[in-house]
Amino acid sequence: MTTARIAAVPVTGGRSSTHGSEGRILIPVKPRKAAARRPLPGSPFNVPVVPPPPVEQFVLQDRVSHDKYGLGLVIGVEEDVAVLVDFGAETHRIIAPYNKLFRL
């Protein structure tokens, strides 16, 4: 709901029904619309939403390298959840996203 503001314009002379008590003419003024704010370049709130990169897909028998465990072979795959990798002496379940696991 908008309310109209009234501007007082001074007059010199006679009075009419539009005059206020101080001898001013009252004119209704339309409310201004707020201008759109421009984005500030250094604002932390202007960061565009970037979708995460897709999760790398591994298949059975892929040769992989892990930053901590070394070279291995994929022996099990849980779609977009985890992979089971045999590193020779031990087997590890690596969960997605596979930050330290790389396909060779």
PDB file of N, CA and C in Angstrom:
ATOM      1  N   MET A   1       0.843  -1.161   0.000  1.00  0.00           N
ATOM      2  CA  MET A   1       0.000   0.000   0.000  1.00  0.00           C
ATOM      3  C   MET A   1       0.892   1.228   0.000  1.00  0.00           C
ATOM      4  N   THR A   2       0.675   2.122  -0.944  1.00  0.00           N
ATOM      5  CA  THR A   2       1.478   3.336  -1.023  1.00  0.00           C
ATOM      6  C   THR A   2       0.655   4.510  -0.555  1.00  0.00           C
ATOM      7  N   THR A   3       1.317   5.442   0.056  1.00  0.00           N
ATOM      8  CA  THR A   3       0.649   6.653   0.508  1.00  0.00           C
ATOM      9  C   THR A   3       1.209   7.821  -0.270  1.00  0.00           C
ATOM     10  N   ALA A   4       0.371   8.730  -0.655  1.00  0.00           N
ATOM     11  CA  ALA A   4       0.798   9.901  -1.417  1.00  0.00           C
ATOM     12  C   ALA A   4       1.325  10.946  -0.453  1.00  0.00           C
ATOM     13  N   ARG A   5       2.432  11.548  -0.814  1.00  0.00           N
ATOM     14  CA  ARG A   5       2.970  12.644  -0.021  1.00  0.00           C
ATOM     15  C   ARG A   5       2.416  13.942  -0.570  1.00  0.00           C
ATOM     16  N   ILE A   6       2.447  14.961   0.245  1.00  0.00           N
ATOM     17  CA  ILE A   6       1.935  16.264  -0.170  1.00  0.00           C
ATOM     18  C   ILE A   6       3.060  17.272  -0.052  1.00  0.00           C
ATOM     19  N   ALA A   7       3.287  18.025  -1.134  1.00  0.00           N
ATOM     20  CA  ALA A   7       4.318  19.053  -1.122  1.00  0.00           C
ATOM     21  C   ALA A   7       3.665  20.398  -0.913  1.00  0.00           C
ATOM     22  N   ALA A   8       4.301  21.224  -0.122  1.00  0.00           N
ATOM     23  CA  ALA A   8       3.775  22.566   0.136  1.00  0.00           C
ATOM     24  C   ALA A   8       4.546  23.562  -0.728  1.00  0.00           C
ATOM     25  N   VAL A   9       3.802  24.326  -1.541  1.00  0.00           N
ATOM     26  CA  VAL A   9       4.402  25.342  -2.403  1.00  0.00           C
ATOM     27  C   VAL A   9       3.946  26.701  -1.895  1.00  0.00           C
ATOM     28  N   PRO A  10       4.876  27.613  -1.563  1.00  0.00           N
ATOM     29  CA  PRO A  10       4.461  28.919  -1.039  1.00  0.00           C
ATOM     30  C   PRO A  10       3.763  29.755  -2.102  1.00  0.00           C
ATOM     31  N   VAL A  11       2.771  30.512  -1.660  1.00  0.00           N
ATOM     32  CA  VAL A  11       2.036  31.407  -2.566  1.00  0.00           C
ATOM     33  C   VAL A  11       1.978  32.798  -1.945  1.00  0.00           C
ATOM     34  N   THR A  12       1.738  33.755  -2.779  1.00  0.00           N
ATOM     35  CA  THR A  12       1.515  35.124  -2.291  1.00  0.00           C
ATOM     36  C   THR A  12       0.165  35.570  -2.804  1.00  0.00           C
ATOM     37  N   GLY A  13      -0.739  35.824  -1.967  1.00  0.00           N
ATOM     38  CA  GLY A  13      -2.041  36.287  -2.447  1.00  0.00           C
ATOM     39  C   GLY A  13      -3.172  35.601  -1.745  1.00  0.00           C
ATOM     40  N   GLY A  14      -4.297  35.491  -2.477  1.00  0.00           N
ATOM     41  CA  GLY A  14      -5.539  34.973  -1.920  1.00  0.00           C
ATOM     42  C   GLY A  14      -5.474  33.510  -1.563  1.00  0.00           C
ATOM     43  N   ARG A  15      -6.545  33.072  -0.880  1.00  0.00           N
ATOM     44  CA  ARG A  15      -6.630  31.688  -0.441  1.00  0.00           C
ATOM     45  C   ARG A  15      -7.759  30.986  -1.186  1.00  0.00           C
ATOM     46  N   SER A  16      -7.604  29.673  -1.346  1.00  0.00           N
ATOM     47  CA  SER A  16      -8.674  28.856  -1.907  1.00  0.00           C
ATOM     48  C   SER A  16      -8.764  27.587  -1.084  1.00  0.00           C
ATOM     49  N   SER A  17      -9.546  26.621  -1.527  1.00  0.00           N
ATOM     50  CA  SER A  17      -9.735  25.409  -0.742  1.00  0.00           C
ATOM     51  C   SER A  17      -8.488  24.526  -0.748  1.00  0.00           C
ATOM     52  N   THR A  18      -7.543  24.742  -1.664  1.00  0.00           N
ATOM     53  CA  THR A  18      -6.330  23.928  -1.690  1.00  0.00           C
ATOM     54  C   THR A  18      -5.219  24.522  -0.850  1.00  0.00           C
ATOM     55  N   HIS A  19      -5.450  25.678  -0.229  1.00  0.00           N
ATOM     56  CA  HIS A  19      -4.416  26.310   0.586  1.00  0.00           C
ATOM     57  C   HIS A  19      -4.369  25.675   1.959  1.00  0.00           C
ATOM     58  N   GLY A  20      -3.148  25.580   2.484  1.00  0.00           N
ATOM     59  CA  GLY A  20      -2.973  25.121   3.853  1.00  0.00           C
ATOM     60  C   GLY A  20      -3.155  26.299   4.790  1.00  0.00           C
ATOM     61  N   SER A  21      -2.926  26.079   6.052  1.00  0.00           N
ATOM     62  CA  SER A  21      -3.138  27.127   7.036  1.00  0.00           C
ATOM     63  C   SER A  21      -2.044  28.189   6.983  1.00  0.00           C
ATOM     64  N   GLU A  22      -0.862  27.886   6.362  1.00  0.00           N
ATOM     65  CA  GLU A  22       0.211  28.861   6.287  1.00  0.00           C
ATOM     66  C   GLU A  22       0.209  29.617   4.969  1.00  0.00           C
ATOM     67  N   GLY A  23      -0.788  29.487   4.148  1.00  0.00           N
ATOM     68  CA  GLY A  23      -0.837  30.173   2.871  1.00  0.00           C
ATOM     69  C   GLY A  23      -0.038  29.461   1.795  1.00  0.00           C
ATOM     70  N   ARG A  24       0.006  28.133   1.824  1.00  0.00           N
ATOM     71  CA  ARG A  24       0.735  27.362   0.816  1.00  0.00           C
ATOM     72  C   ARG A  24      -0.246  26.489   0.049  1.00  0.00           C
ATOM     73  N   ILE A  25       0.084  26.242  -1.206  1.00  0.00           N
ATOM     74  CA  ILE A  25      -0.741  25.363  -2.028  1.00  0.00           C
ATOM     75  C   ILE A  25      -0.259  23.934  -1.798  1.00  0.00           C
ATOM     76  N   LEU A  26      -1.195  23.023  -1.562  1.00  0.00           N
ATOM     77  CA  LEU A  26      -0.845  21.630  -1.325  1.00  0.00           C
ATOM     78  C   LEU A  26      -1.034  20.837  -2.610  1.00  0.00           C
ATOM     79  N   ILE A  27       0.048  20.211  -3.081  1.00  0.00           N
ATOM     80  CA  ILE A  27       0.027  19.442  -4.327  1.00  0.00           C
ATOM     81  C   ILE A  27       0.422  18.009  -4.002  1.00  0.00           C
ATOM     82  N   PRO A  28      -0.402  17.016  -4.388  1.00  0.00           N
ATOM     83  CA  PRO A  28      -0.013  15.624  -4.140  1.00  0.00           C
ATOM     84  C   PRO A  28       1.204  15.251  -5.011  1.00  0.00           C
ATOM     85  N   VAL A  29       2.137  14.522  -4.417  1.00  0.00           N
ATOM     86  CA  VAL A  29       3.350  14.107  -5.106  1.00  0.00           C
ATOM     87  C   VAL A  29       3.360  12.588  -5.182  1.00  0.00           C
ATOM     88  N   LYS A  30       3.698  12.040  -6.353  1.00  0.00           N
ATOM     89  CA  LYS A  30       3.774  10.595  -6.516  1.00  0.00           C
ATOM     90  C   LYS A  30       5.036  10.077  -5.814  1.00  0.00           C
ATOM     91  N   PRO A  31       4.934   8.933  -5.141  1.00  0.00           N
ATOM     92  CA  PRO A  31       6.122   8.380  -4.490  1.00  0.00           C
ATOM     93  C   PRO A  31       7.128   7.892  -5.530  1.00  0.00           C
ATOM     94  N   ARG A  32       8.406   8.059  -5.231  1.00  0.00           N
ATOM     95  CA  ARG A  32       9.450   7.606  -6.146  1.00  0.00           C
ATOM     96  C   ARG A  32       9.669   6.115  -5.984  1.00  0.00           C
ATOM     97  N   LYS A  33      10.063   5.494  -7.080  1.00  0.00           N
ATOM     98  CA  LYS A  33      10.434   4.085  -7.025  1.00  0.00           C
ATOM     99  C   LYS A  33      11.918   4.005  -6.709  1.00  0.00           C
ATOM    100  N   ALA A  34      12.277   3.023  -5.926  1.00  0.00           N
ATOM    101  CA  ALA A  34      13.679   2.855  -5.559  1.00  0.00           C
ATOM    102  C   ALA A  34      14.475   2.410  -6.783  1.00  0.00           C
ATOM    103  N   ALA A  35      15.654   2.994  -6.959  1.00  0.00           N
ATOM    104  CA  ALA A  35      16.525   2.618  -8.065  1.00  0.00           C
ATOM    105  C   ALA A  35      17.177   1.271  -7.754  1.00  0.00           C
ATOM    106  N   ALA A  36      17.442   0.499  -8.797  1.00  0.00           N
ATOM    107  CA  ALA A  36      18.109  -0.783  -8.616  1.00  0.00           C
ATOM    108  C   ALA A  36      19.553  -0.540  -8.195  1.00  0.00           C
ATOM    109  N   ARG A  37      19.989  -1.282  -7.213  1.00  0.00           N
ATOM    110  CA  ARG A  37      21.360  -1.124  -6.737  1.00  0.00           C
ATOM    111  C   ARG A  37      22.314  -1.857  -7.662  1.00  0.00           C
ATOM    112  N   ARG A  38      23.430  -1.212  -7.961  1.00  0.00           N
ATOM    113  CA  ARG A  38      24.421  -1.884  -8.780  1.00  0.00           C
ATOM    114  C   ARG A  38      25.269  -2.755  -7.870  1.00  0.00           C
ATOM    115  N   PRO A  39      25.711  -3.908  -8.348  1.00  0.00           N
ATOM    116  CA  PRO A  39      26.518  -4.793  -7.502  1.00  0.00           C
ATOM    117  C   PRO A  39      27.899  -4.196  -7.260  1.00  0.00           C
ATOM    118  N   LEU A  40      28.376  -4.286  -6.055  1.00  0.00           N
ATOM    119  CA  LEU A  40      29.709  -3.809  -5.721  1.00  0.00           C
ATOM    120  C   LEU A  40      30.731  -4.883  -6.080  1.00  0.00           C
ATOM    121  N   PRO A  41      31.813  -4.508  -6.771  1.00  0.00           N
ATOM    122  CA  PRO A  41      32.751  -5.525  -7.243  1.00  0.00           C
ATOM    123  C   PRO A  41      33.468  -6.278  -6.128  1.00  0.00           C
ATOM    124  N   GLY A  42      33.657  -5.669  -4.965  1.00  0.00           N
ATOM    125  CA  GLY A  42      34.388  -6.325  -3.895  1.00  0.00           C
ATOM    126  C   GLY A  42      33.503  -6.974  -2.859  1.00  0.00           C
ATOM    127  N   SER A  43      32.210  -7.071  -3.114  1.00  0.00           N
ATOM    128  CA  SER A  43      31.294  -7.598  -2.123  1.00  0.00           C
ATOM    129  C   SER A  43      31.351  -9.127  -2.083  1.00  0.00           C
ATOM    130  N   PRO A  44      31.394  -9.731  -0.887  1.00  0.00           N
ATOM    131  CA  PRO A  44      31.394 -11.193  -0.799  1.00  0.00           C
ATOM    132  C   PRO A  44      30.031 -11.795  -1.126  1.00  0.00           C
ATOM    133  N   PHE A  45      28.989 -10.951  -1.244  1.00  0.00           N
ATOM    134  CA  PHE A  45      27.659 -11.456  -1.531  1.00  0.00           C
ATOM    135  C   PHE A  45      27.384 -11.555  -3.023  1.00  0.00           C
ATOM    136  N   ASN A  46      28.316 -11.094  -3.877  1.00  0.00           N
ATOM    137  CA  ASN A  46      28.131 -11.134  -5.328  1.00  0.00           C
ATOM    138  C   ASN A  46      28.748 -12.364  -5.956  1.00  0.00           C
ATOM    139  N   VAL A  47      29.151 -13.324  -5.181  1.00  0.00           N
ATOM    140  CA  VAL A  47      29.811 -14.502  -5.714  1.00  0.00           C
ATOM    141  C   VAL A  47      28.790 -15.344  -6.469  1.00  0.00           C
ATOM    142  N   PRO A  48      29.029 -15.600  -7.763  1.00  0.00           N
ATOM    143  CA  PRO A  48      28.078 -16.430  -8.505  1.00  0.00           C
ATOM    144  C   PRO A  48      28.129 -17.874  -8.010  1.00  0.00           C
ATOM    145  N   VAL A  49      26.997 -18.517  -8.057  1.00  0.00           N
ATOM    146  CA  VAL A  49      26.919 -19.907  -7.622  1.00  0.00           C
ATOM    147  C   VAL A  49      27.494 -20.784  -8.721  1.00  0.00           C
ATOM    148  N   VAL A  50      28.548 -21.513  -8.389  1.00  0.00           N
ATOM    149  CA  VAL A  50      29.212 -22.387  -9.355  1.00  0.00           C
ATOM    150  C   VAL A  50      28.882 -23.826  -8.971  1.00  0.00           C
ATOM    151  N   PRO A  51      28.333 -24.594  -9.914  1.00  0.00           N
ATOM    152  CA  PRO A  51      28.025 -25.984  -9.578  1.00  0.00           C
ATOM    153  C   PRO A  51      29.319 -26.771  -9.366  1.00  0.00           C
ATOM    154  N   PRO A  52      29.307 -27.741  -8.462  1.00  0.00           N
ATOM    155  CA  PRO A  52      30.518 -28.531  -8.221  1.00  0.00           C
ATOM    156  C   PRO A  52      30.881 -29.347  -9.460  1.00  0.00           C
ATOM    157  N   PRO A  53      32.161 -29.613  -9.649  1.00  0.00           N
ATOM    158  CA  PRO A  53      32.545 -30.411 -10.813  1.00  0.00           C
ATOM    159  C   PRO A  53      31.986 -31.824 -10.690  1.00  0.00           C
ATOM    160  N   PRO A  54      31.743 -32.478 -11.812  1.00  0.00           N
ATOM    161  CA  PRO A  54      31.186 -33.834 -11.743  1.00  0.00           C
ATOM    162  C   PRO A  54      32.195 -34.792 -11.101  1.00  0.00           C
ATOM    163  N   VAL A  55      31.670 -35.795 -10.409  1.00  0.00           N
ATOM    164  CA  VAL A  55      32.504 -36.789  -9.741  1.00  0.00           C
ATOM    165  C   VAL A  55      33.093 -37.705 -10.807  1.00  0.00           C
ATOM    166  N   GLU A  56      34.409 -37.949 -10.705  1.00  0.00           N
ATOM    167  CA  GLU A  56      35.069 -38.819 -11.678  1.00  0.00           C
ATOM    168  C   GLU A  56      34.533 -40.240 -11.546  1.00  0.00           C
ATOM    169  N   GLN A  57      34.318 -40.886 -12.670  1.00  0.00           N
ATOM    170  CA  GLN A  57      33.777 -42.236 -12.692  1.00  0.00           C
ATOM    171  C   GLN A  57      34.907 -43.245 -12.882  1.00  0.00           C
ATOM    172  N   PHE A  58      34.943 -44.265 -12.043  1.00  0.00           N
ATOM    173  CA  PHE A  58      35.914 -45.343 -12.157  1.00  0.00           C
ATOM    174  C   PHE A  58      35.174 -46.625 -12.503  1.00  0.00           C
ATOM    175  N   VAL A  59      35.843 -47.506 -13.230  1.00  0.00           N
ATOM    176  CA  VAL A  59      35.268 -48.806 -13.576  1.00  0.00           C
ATOM    177  C   VAL A  59      36.179 -49.895 -13.035  1.00  0.00           C
ATOM    178  N   LEU A  60      35.682 -51.127 -13.012  1.00  0.00           N
ATOM    179  CA  LEU A  60      36.482 -52.251 -12.530  1.00  0.00           C
ATOM    180  C   LEU A  60      37.752 -52.380 -13.358  1.00  0.00           C
ATOM    181  N   GLN A  61      38.821 -52.766 -12.701  1.00  0.00           N
ATOM    182  CA  GLN A  61      40.143 -52.995 -13.300  1.00  0.00           C
ATOM    183  C   GLN A  61      40.865 -51.718 -13.723  1.00  0.00           C
ATOM    184  N   ASP A  62      40.378 -50.530 -13.296  1.00  0.00           N
ATOM    185  CA  ASP A  62      41.123 -49.284 -13.555  1.00  0.00           C
ATOM    186  C   ASP A  62      42.371 -49.262 -12.688  1.00  0.00           C
ATOM    187  N   ARG A  63      43.496 -48.896 -13.286  1.00  0.00           N
ATOM    188  CA  ARG A  63      44.721 -48.676 -12.525  1.00  0.00           C
ATOM    189  C   ARG A  63      44.666 -47.256 -11.985  1.00  0.00           C
ATOM    190  N   VAL A  64      44.923 -47.096 -10.679  1.00  0.00           N
ATOM    191  CA  VAL A  64      44.812 -45.788 -10.042  1.00  0.00           C
ATOM    192  C   VAL A  64      46.048 -45.517  -9.192  1.00  0.00           C
ATOM    193  N   SER A  65      46.216 -44.257  -8.859  1.00  0.00           N
ATOM    194  CA  SER A  65      47.267 -43.826  -7.945  1.00  0.00           C
ATOM    195  C   SER A  65      46.621 -42.980  -6.860  1.00  0.00           C
ATOM    196  N   HIS A  66      46.989 -43.260  -5.603  1.00  0.00           N
ATOM    197  CA  HIS A  66      46.474 -42.514  -4.463  1.00  0.00           C
ATOM    198  C   HIS A  66      47.642 -41.798  -3.797  1.00  0.00           C
ATOM    199  N   ASP A  67      47.435 -40.557  -3.367  1.00  0.00           N
ATOM    200  CA  ASP A  67      48.510 -39.769  -2.771  1.00  0.00           C
ATOM    201  C   ASP A  67      49.077 -40.408  -1.504  1.00  0.00           C
ATOM    202  N   LYS A  68      48.270 -41.124  -0.750  1.00  0.00           N
ATOM    203  CA  LYS A  68      48.729 -41.712   0.504  1.00  0.00           C
ATOM    204  C   LYS A  68      49.095 -43.189   0.358  1.00  0.00           C
ATOM    205  N   TYR A  69      48.274 -43.960  -0.387  1.00  0.00           N
ATOM    206  CA  TYR A  69      48.439 -45.405  -0.437  1.00  0.00           C
ATOM    207  C   TYR A  69      49.261 -45.889  -1.627  1.00  0.00           C
ATOM    208  N   GLY A  70      49.459 -45.075  -2.643  1.00  0.00           N
ATOM    209  CA  GLY A  70      50.269 -45.473  -3.800  1.00  0.00           C
ATOM    210  C   GLY A  70      49.438 -46.039  -4.931  1.00  0.00           C
ATOM    211  N   LEU A  71      50.053 -46.984  -5.695  1.00  0.00           N
ATOM    212  CA  LEU A  71      49.403 -47.576  -6.868  1.00  0.00           C
ATOM    213  C   LEU A  71      48.424 -48.657  -6.458  1.00  0.00           C
ATOM    214  N   GLY A  72      47.310 -48.747  -7.218  1.00  0.00           N
ATOM    215  CA  GLY A  72      46.309 -49.737  -6.888  1.00  0.00           C
ATOM    216  C   GLY A  72      45.456 -50.105  -8.079  1.00  0.00           C
ATOM    217  N   LEU A  73      44.531 -51.020  -7.832  1.00  0.00           N
ATOM    218  CA  LEU A  73      43.618 -51.525  -8.856  1.00  0.00           C
ATOM    219  C   LEU A  73      42.201 -51.482  -8.301  1.00  0.00           C
ATOM    220  N   VAL A  74      41.261 -50.921  -9.065  1.00  0.00           N
ATOM    221  CA  VAL A  74      39.864 -50.824  -8.635  1.00  0.00           C
ATOM    222  C   VAL A  74      39.245 -52.212  -8.709  1.00  0.00           C
ATOM    223  N   ILE A  75      38.725 -52.683  -7.555  1.00  0.00           N
ATOM    224  CA  ILE A  75      38.104 -54.009  -7.525  1.00  0.00           C
ATOM    225  C   ILE A  75      36.617 -53.945  -7.200  1.00  0.00           C
ATOM    226  N   GLY A  76      36.110 -52.769  -6.887  1.00  0.00           N
ATOM    227  CA  GLY A  76      34.688 -52.610  -6.607  1.00  0.00           C
ATOM    228  C   GLY A  76      34.266 -51.166  -6.819  1.00  0.00           C
ATOM    229  N   VAL A  77      33.027 -50.969  -7.322  1.00  0.00           N
ATOM    230  CA  VAL A  77      32.523 -49.621  -7.601  1.00  0.00           C
ATOM    231  C   VAL A  77      31.119 -49.484  -7.028  1.00  0.00           C
ATOM    232  N   GLU A  78      30.909 -48.462  -6.209  1.00  0.00           N
ATOM    233  CA  GLU A  78      29.577 -48.067  -5.757  1.00  0.00           C
ATOM    234  C   GLU A  78      29.284 -46.756  -6.473  1.00  0.00           C
ATOM    235  N   GLU A  79      28.338 -46.753  -7.364  1.00  0.00           N
ATOM    236  CA  GLU A  79      28.051 -45.621  -8.261  1.00  0.00           C
ATOM    237  C   GLU A  79      27.940 -44.291  -7.519  1.00  0.00           C
ATOM    238  N   ASP A  80      28.824 -43.338  -7.823  1.00  0.00           N
ATOM    239  CA  ASP A  80      28.873 -41.976  -7.262  1.00  0.00           C
ATOM    240  C   ASP A  80      28.986 -41.952  -5.738  1.00  0.00           C
ATOM    241  N   VAL A  81      29.380 -43.062  -5.106  1.00  0.00           N
ATOM    242  CA  VAL A  81      29.495 -43.101  -3.656  1.00  0.00           C
ATOM    243  C   VAL A  81      30.927 -43.416  -3.238  1.00  0.00           C
ATOM    244  N   ALA A  82      31.475 -44.545  -3.710  1.00  0.00           N
ATOM    245  CA  ALA A  82      32.805 -44.974  -3.294  1.00  0.00           C
ATOM    246  C   ALA A  82      33.359 -45.992  -4.277  1.00  0.00           C
ATOM    247  N   VAL A  83      34.671 -46.211  -4.165  1.00  0.00           N
ATOM    248  CA  VAL A  83      35.329 -47.277  -4.921  1.00  0.00           C
ATOM    249  C   VAL A  83      36.165 -48.092  -3.946  1.00  0.00           C
ATOM    250  N   LEU A  84      36.291 -49.367  -4.230  1.00  0.00           N
ATOM    251  CA  LEU A  84      37.114 -50.272  -3.434  1.00  0.00           C
ATOM    252  C   LEU A  84      38.383 -50.517  -4.223  1.00  0.00           C
ATOM    253  N   VAL A  85      39.531 -50.198  -3.616  1.00  0.00           N
ATOM    254  CA  VAL A  85      40.798 -50.259  -4.338  1.00  0.00           C
ATOM    255  C   VAL A  85      41.751 -51.198  -3.609  1.00  0.00           C
ATOM    256  N   ASP A  86      42.367 -52.108  -4.378  1.00  0.00           N
ATOM    257  CA  ASP A  86      43.382 -53.029  -3.849  1.00  0.00           C
ATOM    258  C   ASP A  86      44.749 -52.390  -4.082  1.00  0.00           C
ATOM    259  N   PHE A  87      45.460 -52.094  -2.983  1.00  0.00           N
ATOM    260  CA  PHE A  87      46.777 -51.482  -3.070  1.00  0.00           C
ATOM    261  C   PHE A  87      47.885 -52.505  -2.820  1.00  0.00           C
ATOM    262  N   GLY A  88      47.614 -53.751  -3.052  1.00  0.00           N
ATOM    263  CA  GLY A  88      48.617 -54.805  -2.854  1.00  0.00           C
ATOM    264  C   GLY A  88      48.496 -55.402  -1.464  1.00  0.00           C
ATOM    265  N   ALA A  89      49.130 -54.798  -0.470  1.00  0.00           N
ATOM    266  CA  ALA A  89      49.125 -55.323   0.890  1.00  0.00           C
ATOM    267  C   ALA A  89      47.803 -55.048   1.605  1.00  0.00           C
ATOM    268  N   GLU A  90      47.067 -54.048   1.170  1.00  0.00           N
ATOM    269  CA  GLU A  90      45.806 -53.698   1.850  1.00  0.00           C
ATOM    270  C   GLU A  90      44.778 -53.203   0.832  1.00  0.00           C
ATOM    271  N   THR A  91      43.510 -53.270   1.243  1.00  0.00           N
ATOM    272  CA  THR A  91      42.401 -52.807   0.416  1.00  0.00           C
ATOM    273  C   THR A  91      41.701 -51.673   1.157  1.00  0.00           C
ATOM    274  N   HIS A  92      41.386 -50.579   0.412  1.00  0.00           N
ATOM    275  CA  HIS A  92      40.726 -49.421   1.027  1.00  0.00           C
ATOM    276  C   HIS A  92      39.485 -49.041   0.234  1.00  0.00           C
ATOM    277  N   ARG A  93      38.498 -48.588   0.970  1.00  0.00           N
ATOM    278  CA  ARG A  93      37.282 -48.033   0.350  1.00  0.00           C
ATOM    279  C   ARG A  93      37.465 -46.515   0.339  1.00  0.00           C
ATOM    280  N   ILE A  94      37.551 -45.939  -0.849  1.00  0.00           N
ATOM    281  CA  ILE A  94      37.744 -44.500  -1.022  1.00  0.00           C
ATOM    282  C   ILE A  94      36.394 -43.904  -1.396  1.00  0.00           C
ATOM    283  N   ILE A  95      35.924 -42.918  -0.585  1.00  0.00           N
ATOM    284  CA  ILE A  95      34.612 -42.323  -0.842  1.00  0.00           C
ATOM    285  C   ILE A  95      34.735 -41.086  -1.745  1.00  0.00           C
ATOM    286  N   ALA A  96      33.664 -40.777  -2.437  1.00  0.00           N
ATOM    287  CA  ALA A  96      33.628 -39.621  -3.345  1.00  0.00           C
ATOM    288  C   ALA A  96      33.519 -38.350  -2.531  1.00  0.00           C
ATOM    289  N   PRO A  97      34.028 -37.226  -2.969  1.00  0.00           N
ATOM    290  CA  PRO A  97      34.801 -37.015  -4.193  1.00  0.00           C
ATOM    291  C   PRO A  97      36.222 -37.534  -4.001  1.00  0.00           C
ATOM    292  N   TYR A  98      36.774 -38.030  -5.060  1.00  0.00           N
ATOM    293  CA  TYR A  98      38.062 -38.706  -5.016  1.00  0.00           C
ATOM    294  C   TYR A  98      39.187 -37.689  -5.194  1.00  0.00           C
ATOM    295  N   ASN A  99      39.442 -36.872  -4.164  1.00  0.00           N
ATOM    296  CA  ASN A  99      40.425 -35.795  -4.263  1.00  0.00           C
ATOM    297  C   ASN A  99      41.850 -36.311  -4.432  1.00  0.00           C
ATOM    298  N   LYS A 100      42.184 -37.426  -3.796  1.00  0.00           N
ATOM    299  CA  LYS A 100      43.555 -37.931  -3.824  1.00  0.00           C
ATOM    300  C   LYS A 100      43.728 -39.144  -4.720  1.00  0.00           C
ATOM    301  N   LEU A 101      42.695 -39.513  -5.461  1.00  0.00           N
ATOM    302  CA  LEU A 101      42.733 -40.704  -6.310  1.00  0.00           C
ATOM    303  C   LEU A 101      42.735 -40.298  -7.777  1.00  0.00           C
ATOM    304  N   PHE A 102      43.697 -40.827  -8.533  1.00  0.00           N
ATOM    305  CA  PHE A 102      43.836 -40.449  -9.942  1.00  0.00           C
ATOM    306  C   PHE A 102      43.930 -41.701 -10.798  1.00  0.00           C
ATOM    307  N   ARG A 103      43.267 -41.655 -11.951  1.00  0.00           N
ATOM    308  CA  ARG A 103      43.320 -42.759 -12.908  1.00  0.00           C
ATOM    309  C   ARG A 103      44.644 -42.668 -13.670  1.00  0.00           C
ATOM    310  N   LEU A 104      45.271 -43.826 -13.902  1.00  0.00           N
ATOM    311  CA  LEU A 104      46.534 -43.853 -14.660  1.00  0.00           C
ATOM    312  C   LEU A 104      46.274 -44.203 -16.104  1.00  0.00           C
TER     313      LEU A 104
END
